[in-house]
Amino acid sequence: MLDYKQGFTSVGNASQESGDPDYVWAYADLKLCAEKGSYTDSSFSWTLYYSDGSRINRSGTTYGDFPKPEYPTDVTVTAGKCARGKLVFSVPGGGRPQSVLYEPEGLDQPREWTIPKA
C-alpha cells in the first residue's frame, strides 16, 4: 500500500451505496509486484480492516471521476512486473481503518499493511 485518502468527493454519493448517511468515499493506492512466476490478481482480494474486527470490501460502483489510475479489476502479474492503482471503498466517515488486507485465493496467510493515522 502506497497511500490512503478518506473523504474525497465524486458525482456519486458513498452514503447511497452503503445505505448509511455517514459514509464517505476513500481510496487505497495499491501496488502489487511479482518477483517470480506469474499469477492473476483481482481487486476483490483487497479489504479494509478496522480495529473492531469489521471489514469493508471495495466499492461495487465506478464513477468516471474516481481517482486515477484505478486498480485493475482482474490482472495477470508476471515476474518483474507490477499492478498499481487506486481502489475505492465506501467507508464510515467517523472512523479510519487500521489496515489494508490482501487475501487472494491460495494464500495461506493474508498480507497486511498499516494505514497511517491522518
N, C-alpha and C. Protein backbone atom coordinates (compact mmCIF):
# COMPACT_ATOMS: atom_id res chain seq x y z
N MET A 1 0.84 -1.17 0.00
CA MET A 1 0.00 0.00 0.00
C MET A 1 0.89 1.24 0.00
N LEU A 2 0.57 2.17 -0.89
CA LEU A 2 1.36 3.37 -1.03
C LEU A 2 0.74 4.58 -0.33
N ASP A 3 -0.60 4.63 -0.28
CA ASP A 3 -1.28 5.78 0.29
C ASP A 3 -2.72 5.42 0.61
N TYR A 4 -3.34 6.22 1.48
CA TYR A 4 -4.75 6.07 1.82
C TYR A 4 -5.32 7.47 1.98
N LYS A 5 -6.46 7.72 1.35
CA LYS A 5 -7.13 9.01 1.48
C LYS A 5 -8.62 8.77 1.71
N GLN A 6 -9.17 9.50 2.66
CA GLN A 6 -10.58 9.35 3.01
C GLN A 6 -11.27 10.70 2.90
N GLY A 7 -12.46 10.71 2.28
CA GLY A 7 -13.26 11.93 2.22
C GLY A 7 -13.21 12.67 0.90
N PHE A 8 -12.83 12.03 -0.21
CA PHE A 8 -12.86 12.73 -1.49
C PHE A 8 -14.29 12.77 -2.02
N THR A 9 -14.57 13.70 -2.91
CA THR A 9 -15.92 13.85 -3.46
C THR A 9 -15.99 13.25 -4.86
N SER A 10 -17.20 12.91 -5.25
CA SER A 10 -17.46 12.30 -6.55
C SER A 10 -18.87 12.71 -6.99
N VAL A 11 -19.19 12.46 -8.25
CA VAL A 11 -20.55 12.72 -8.71
C VAL A 11 -21.54 11.81 -8.01
N GLY A 12 -21.08 10.63 -7.61
CA GLY A 12 -21.91 9.69 -6.85
C GLY A 12 -21.66 9.85 -5.37
N ASN A 13 -22.60 9.39 -4.58
CA ASN A 13 -22.54 9.56 -3.14
C ASN A 13 -22.28 8.22 -2.45
N ALA A 14 -21.26 8.17 -1.58
CA ALA A 14 -20.91 6.93 -0.87
C ALA A 14 -22.03 6.48 0.05
N SER A 15 -22.77 7.41 0.61
CA SER A 15 -23.86 7.04 1.51
C SER A 15 -25.00 6.34 0.76
N GLN A 16 -25.18 6.66 -0.52
CA GLN A 16 -26.20 5.97 -1.32
C GLN A 16 -25.80 4.52 -1.54
N GLU A 17 -24.51 4.27 -1.77
CA GLU A 17 -24.05 2.90 -1.98
C GLU A 17 -24.20 2.07 -0.71
N SER A 18 -23.84 2.65 0.42
CA SER A 18 -23.84 1.91 1.68
C SER A 18 -25.20 1.86 2.35
N GLY A 19 -26.05 2.85 2.07
CA GLY A 19 -27.33 2.94 2.75
C GLY A 19 -27.21 3.63 4.11
N ASP A 20 -26.04 4.19 4.40
CA ASP A 20 -25.79 4.89 5.67
C ASP A 20 -25.38 6.32 5.37
N PRO A 21 -26.08 7.32 5.94
CA PRO A 21 -25.79 8.72 5.61
C PRO A 21 -24.41 9.21 6.06
N ASP A 22 -23.74 8.47 6.93
CA ASP A 22 -22.44 8.90 7.44
C ASP A 22 -21.25 8.34 6.64
N TYR A 23 -21.50 7.61 5.56
CA TYR A 23 -20.40 7.02 4.80
C TYR A 23 -19.82 8.01 3.81
N VAL A 24 -18.52 7.89 3.56
CA VAL A 24 -17.78 8.75 2.63
C VAL A 24 -16.92 7.86 1.71
N TRP A 25 -16.42 8.45 0.64
CA TRP A 25 -15.51 7.73 -0.25
C TRP A 25 -14.09 7.76 0.31
N ALA A 26 -13.37 6.67 0.09
CA ALA A 26 -11.96 6.57 0.43
C ALA A 26 -11.27 5.74 -0.65
N TYR A 27 -9.96 5.89 -0.75
CA TYR A 27 -9.22 5.01 -1.65
C TYR A 27 -7.90 4.61 -1.03
N ALA A 28 -7.45 3.43 -1.43
CA ALA A 28 -6.11 2.95 -1.11
C ALA A 28 -5.34 2.90 -2.42
N ASP A 29 -4.16 3.48 -2.43
CA ASP A 29 -3.28 3.43 -3.59
C ASP A 29 -2.41 2.19 -3.42
N LEU A 30 -2.62 1.21 -4.28
CA LEU A 30 -2.02 -0.12 -4.12
C LEU A 30 -1.02 -0.43 -5.23
N LYS A 31 0.01 -1.17 -4.87
CA LYS A 31 0.99 -1.63 -5.85
C LYS A 31 1.37 -3.05 -5.48
N LEU A 32 1.20 -3.95 -6.43
CA LEU A 32 1.48 -5.36 -6.22
C LEU A 32 2.45 -5.83 -7.29
N CYS A 33 3.58 -6.40 -6.89
CA CYS A 33 4.61 -6.84 -7.83
C CYS A 33 4.89 -8.33 -7.68
N ALA A 34 5.29 -8.95 -8.77
CA ALA A 34 5.67 -10.37 -8.75
C ALA A 34 7.18 -10.48 -8.85
N GLU A 35 7.76 -11.26 -7.96
CA GLU A 35 9.21 -11.48 -8.00
C GLU A 35 9.56 -12.64 -8.93
N LYS A 36 8.69 -13.65 -8.97
CA LYS A 36 8.92 -14.80 -9.86
C LYS A 36 7.58 -15.37 -10.30
N GLY A 37 7.60 -16.13 -11.38
CA GLY A 37 6.39 -16.75 -11.89
C GLY A 37 5.38 -15.73 -12.36
N SER A 38 4.12 -16.13 -12.40
CA SER A 38 3.03 -15.22 -12.76
C SER A 38 1.76 -15.69 -12.07
N TYR A 39 0.85 -14.78 -11.85
CA TYR A 39 -0.43 -15.11 -11.26
C TYR A 39 -1.45 -14.04 -11.62
N THR A 40 -2.71 -14.41 -11.47
CA THR A 40 -3.80 -13.49 -11.74
C THR A 40 -4.31 -12.94 -10.42
N ASP A 41 -4.49 -11.64 -10.37
CA ASP A 41 -4.99 -10.98 -9.17
C ASP A 41 -6.32 -10.31 -9.49
N SER A 42 -7.08 -10.04 -8.44
CA SER A 42 -8.37 -9.40 -8.58
C SER A 42 -8.51 -8.30 -7.54
N SER A 43 -9.25 -7.28 -7.86
CA SER A 43 -9.49 -6.21 -6.90
C SER A 43 -10.31 -6.71 -5.71
N PHE A 44 -10.94 -7.87 -5.85
CA PHE A 44 -11.71 -8.46 -4.75
C PHE A 44 -10.81 -9.05 -3.67
N SER A 45 -9.50 -9.14 -3.92
CA SER A 45 -8.55 -9.68 -2.94
C SER A 45 -8.24 -8.70 -1.81
N TRP A 46 -8.66 -7.45 -1.94
CA TRP A 46 -8.29 -6.39 -1.00
C TRP A 46 -9.48 -5.98 -0.15
N THR A 47 -9.27 -5.82 1.17
CA THR A 47 -10.30 -5.31 2.07
C THR A 47 -9.68 -4.34 3.08
N LEU A 48 -10.51 -3.47 3.63
CA LEU A 48 -10.08 -2.60 4.72
C LEU A 48 -10.45 -3.28 6.03
N TYR A 49 -9.55 -3.22 7.00
CA TYR A 49 -9.76 -3.85 8.30
C TYR A 49 -9.81 -2.77 9.38
N TYR A 50 -10.83 -2.85 10.25
CA TYR A 50 -11.00 -1.90 11.35
C TYR A 50 -10.65 -2.57 12.67
N SER A 51 -10.25 -1.77 13.66
CA SER A 51 -9.79 -2.30 14.94
C SER A 51 -10.87 -3.09 15.68
N ASP A 52 -12.15 -2.88 15.35
CA ASP A 52 -13.22 -3.65 15.99
C ASP A 52 -13.47 -4.99 15.30
N GLY A 53 -12.66 -5.29 14.28
CA GLY A 53 -12.78 -6.55 13.55
C GLY A 53 -13.62 -6.48 12.29
N SER A 54 -14.30 -5.37 12.05
CA SER A 54 -15.11 -5.26 10.84
C SER A 54 -14.21 -5.06 9.62
N ARG A 55 -14.74 -5.47 8.48
CA ARG A 55 -14.02 -5.37 7.21
C ARG A 55 -14.93 -4.77 6.16
N ILE A 56 -14.33 -4.03 5.25
CA ILE A 56 -15.09 -3.41 4.17
C ILE A 56 -14.45 -3.79 2.85
N ASN A 57 -15.28 -4.32 1.95
CA ASN A 57 -14.83 -4.67 0.60
C ASN A 57 -14.82 -3.44 -0.29
N ARG A 58 -14.14 -3.56 -1.39
CA ARG A 58 -14.06 -2.45 -2.35
C ARG A 58 -15.46 -2.07 -2.81
N SER A 59 -15.58 -0.86 -3.31
CA SER A 59 -16.86 -0.38 -3.81
C SER A 59 -17.28 -1.17 -5.04
N GLY A 60 -18.55 -1.43 -5.16
CA GLY A 60 -19.09 -2.08 -6.34
C GLY A 60 -19.44 -1.07 -7.42
N THR A 61 -19.21 0.20 -7.14
CA THR A 61 -19.55 1.29 -8.04
C THR A 61 -18.28 1.88 -8.65
N THR A 62 -18.39 2.35 -9.88
CA THR A 62 -17.29 3.06 -10.52
C THR A 62 -17.86 4.31 -11.19
N TYR A 63 -17.30 5.46 -10.84
CA TYR A 63 -17.68 6.71 -11.48
C TYR A 63 -16.47 7.24 -12.25
N GLY A 64 -16.73 7.96 -13.31
CA GLY A 64 -15.66 8.47 -14.16
C GLY A 64 -14.72 9.43 -13.45
N ASP A 65 -15.17 10.03 -12.35
CA ASP A 65 -14.31 10.98 -11.64
C ASP A 65 -13.61 10.36 -10.43
N PHE A 66 -13.67 9.03 -10.29
CA PHE A 66 -12.91 8.37 -9.22
C PHE A 66 -11.41 8.59 -9.47
N PRO A 67 -10.60 8.58 -8.42
CA PRO A 67 -9.16 8.82 -8.58
C PRO A 67 -8.52 7.83 -9.57
N LYS A 68 -7.61 8.34 -10.35
CA LYS A 68 -6.93 7.55 -11.38
C LYS A 68 -5.46 7.39 -11.02
N PRO A 69 -4.77 6.41 -11.52
CA PRO A 69 -5.34 5.28 -12.24
C PRO A 69 -6.08 4.35 -11.28
N GLU A 70 -7.12 3.69 -11.78
CA GLU A 70 -7.86 2.74 -10.97
C GLU A 70 -7.12 1.41 -10.93
N TYR A 71 -7.19 0.73 -9.78
CA TYR A 71 -6.59 -0.59 -9.67
C TYR A 71 -7.40 -1.52 -10.58
N PRO A 72 -6.72 -2.37 -11.38
CA PRO A 72 -7.45 -3.23 -12.32
C PRO A 72 -8.35 -4.24 -11.62
N THR A 73 -9.51 -4.49 -12.20
CA THR A 73 -10.44 -5.48 -11.64
C THR A 73 -9.80 -6.86 -11.67
N ASP A 74 -9.23 -7.24 -12.79
CA ASP A 74 -8.51 -8.50 -12.95
C ASP A 74 -7.23 -8.21 -13.73
N VAL A 75 -6.11 -8.79 -13.27
CA VAL A 75 -4.84 -8.53 -13.93
C VAL A 75 -3.91 -9.73 -13.73
N THR A 76 -3.12 -10.03 -14.76
CA THR A 76 -2.08 -11.05 -14.63
C THR A 76 -0.75 -10.33 -14.43
N VAL A 77 -0.08 -10.68 -13.33
CA VAL A 77 1.21 -10.07 -12.99
C VAL A 77 2.29 -11.12 -13.23
N THR A 78 3.32 -10.76 -13.99
CA THR A 78 4.42 -11.69 -14.29
C THR A 78 5.70 -11.22 -13.60
N ALA A 79 6.68 -12.10 -13.54
CA ALA A 79 7.94 -11.82 -12.85
C ALA A 79 8.53 -10.48 -13.28
N GLY A 80 8.85 -9.65 -12.31
CA GLY A 80 9.44 -8.35 -12.58
C GLY A 80 8.45 -7.26 -12.95
N LYS A 81 7.16 -7.59 -13.00
CA LYS A 81 6.13 -6.61 -13.37
C LYS A 81 5.24 -6.32 -12.16
N CYS A 82 4.49 -5.20 -12.25
CA CYS A 82 3.62 -4.78 -11.15
C CYS A 82 2.24 -4.38 -11.66
N ALA A 83 1.29 -4.34 -10.75
CA ALA A 83 -0.03 -3.76 -10.99
C ALA A 83 -0.20 -2.66 -9.95
N ARG A 84 -0.62 -1.48 -10.40
CA ARG A 84 -0.78 -0.37 -9.46
C ARG A 84 -2.03 0.41 -9.80
N GLY A 85 -2.68 0.95 -8.77
CA GLY A 85 -3.83 1.81 -8.97
C GLY A 85 -4.54 2.09 -7.67
N LYS A 86 -5.56 2.93 -7.77
CA LYS A 86 -6.34 3.32 -6.60
C LYS A 86 -7.63 2.50 -6.57
N LEU A 87 -7.89 1.91 -5.40
CA LEU A 87 -9.09 1.09 -5.20
C LEU A 87 -10.00 1.84 -4.24
N VAL A 88 -11.26 2.07 -4.66
CA VAL A 88 -12.20 2.90 -3.91
C VAL A 88 -13.08 2.05 -3.00
N PHE A 89 -13.35 2.61 -1.80
CA PHE A 89 -14.20 1.98 -0.79
C PHE A 89 -15.21 3.00 -0.28
N SER A 90 -16.40 2.54 0.10
CA SER A 90 -17.38 3.36 0.80
C SER A 90 -17.22 3.03 2.28
N VAL A 91 -16.80 4.02 3.11
CA VAL A 91 -16.41 3.76 4.49
C VAL A 91 -17.14 4.68 5.47
N PRO A 92 -17.23 4.27 6.75
CA PRO A 92 -17.82 5.15 7.77
C PRO A 92 -16.96 6.41 7.92
N GLY A 93 -17.59 7.58 7.84
CA GLY A 93 -16.86 8.83 7.89
C GLY A 93 -16.26 9.15 9.25
N GLY A 94 -16.79 8.57 10.31
CA GLY A 94 -16.32 8.89 11.65
C GLY A 94 -15.14 8.08 12.13
N GLY A 95 -14.68 7.13 11.35
CA GLY A 95 -13.56 6.30 11.77
C GLY A 95 -12.56 6.13 10.65
N ARG A 96 -11.51 5.44 10.96
CA ARG A 96 -10.46 5.20 9.97
C ARG A 96 -10.03 3.76 10.10
N PRO A 97 -9.84 3.06 8.97
CA PRO A 97 -9.40 1.67 9.07
C PRO A 97 -8.01 1.56 9.67
N GLN A 98 -7.74 0.42 10.24
CA GLN A 98 -6.43 0.15 10.84
C GLN A 98 -5.43 -0.30 9.79
N SER A 99 -5.93 -1.13 8.82
CA SER A 99 -5.01 -1.69 7.83
C SER A 99 -5.74 -2.08 6.55
N VAL A 100 -4.95 -2.40 5.55
CA VAL A 100 -5.44 -2.97 4.30
C VAL A 100 -4.98 -4.43 4.29
N LEU A 101 -5.91 -5.33 3.99
CA LEU A 101 -5.59 -6.75 3.92
C LEU A 101 -5.61 -7.22 2.47
N TYR A 102 -4.66 -8.07 2.13
CA TYR A 102 -4.59 -8.70 0.82
C TYR A 102 -4.75 -10.19 1.04
N GLU A 103 -5.88 -10.76 0.54
CA GLU A 103 -6.21 -12.15 0.79
C GLU A 103 -6.68 -12.86 -0.49
N PRO A 104 -5.79 -13.08 -1.43
CA PRO A 104 -6.20 -13.81 -2.64
C PRO A 104 -6.36 -15.30 -2.32
N GLU A 105 -7.12 -15.97 -3.17
CA GLU A 105 -7.27 -17.43 -3.03
C GLU A 105 -5.90 -18.08 -3.11
N GLY A 106 -5.68 -19.07 -2.26
CA GLY A 106 -4.43 -19.82 -2.30
C GLY A 106 -3.34 -19.27 -1.40
N LEU A 107 -3.52 -18.11 -0.82
CA LEU A 107 -2.52 -17.54 0.08
C LEU A 107 -2.82 -18.02 1.50
N ASP A 108 -1.84 -18.67 2.13
CA ASP A 108 -2.04 -19.22 3.47
C ASP A 108 -2.33 -18.15 4.51
N GLN A 109 -1.56 -17.10 4.51
CA GLN A 109 -1.70 -16.01 5.47
C GLN A 109 -1.96 -14.70 4.71
N PRO A 110 -2.97 -13.93 5.12
CA PRO A 110 -3.17 -12.64 4.44
C PRO A 110 -1.98 -11.71 4.68
N ARG A 111 -1.72 -10.85 3.74
CA ARG A 111 -0.71 -9.80 3.90
C ARG A 111 -1.44 -8.58 4.45
N GLU A 112 -0.75 -7.79 5.27
CA GLU A 112 -1.40 -6.66 5.92
C GLU A 112 -0.48 -5.44 5.93
N TRP A 113 -1.05 -4.27 5.60
CA TRP A 113 -0.32 -3.02 5.63
C TRP A 113 -1.07 -2.05 6.52
N THR A 114 -0.37 -1.46 7.47
CA THR A 114 -0.98 -0.49 8.39
C THR A 114 -1.26 0.81 7.67
N ILE A 115 -2.43 1.37 7.94
CA ILE A 115 -2.81 2.67 7.38
C ILE A 115 -2.36 3.74 8.36
N PRO A 116 -1.56 4.69 7.91
CA PRO A 116 -1.08 5.75 8.81
C PRO A 116 -2.24 6.59 9.34
N LYS A 117 -2.10 7.10 10.53
CA LYS A 117 -3.12 7.99 11.11
C LYS A 117 -3.13 9.29 10.32
N ALA A 118 -4.30 9.87 10.22
CA ALA A 118 -4.47 11.12 9.44
C ALA A 118 -3.67 12.27 10.00
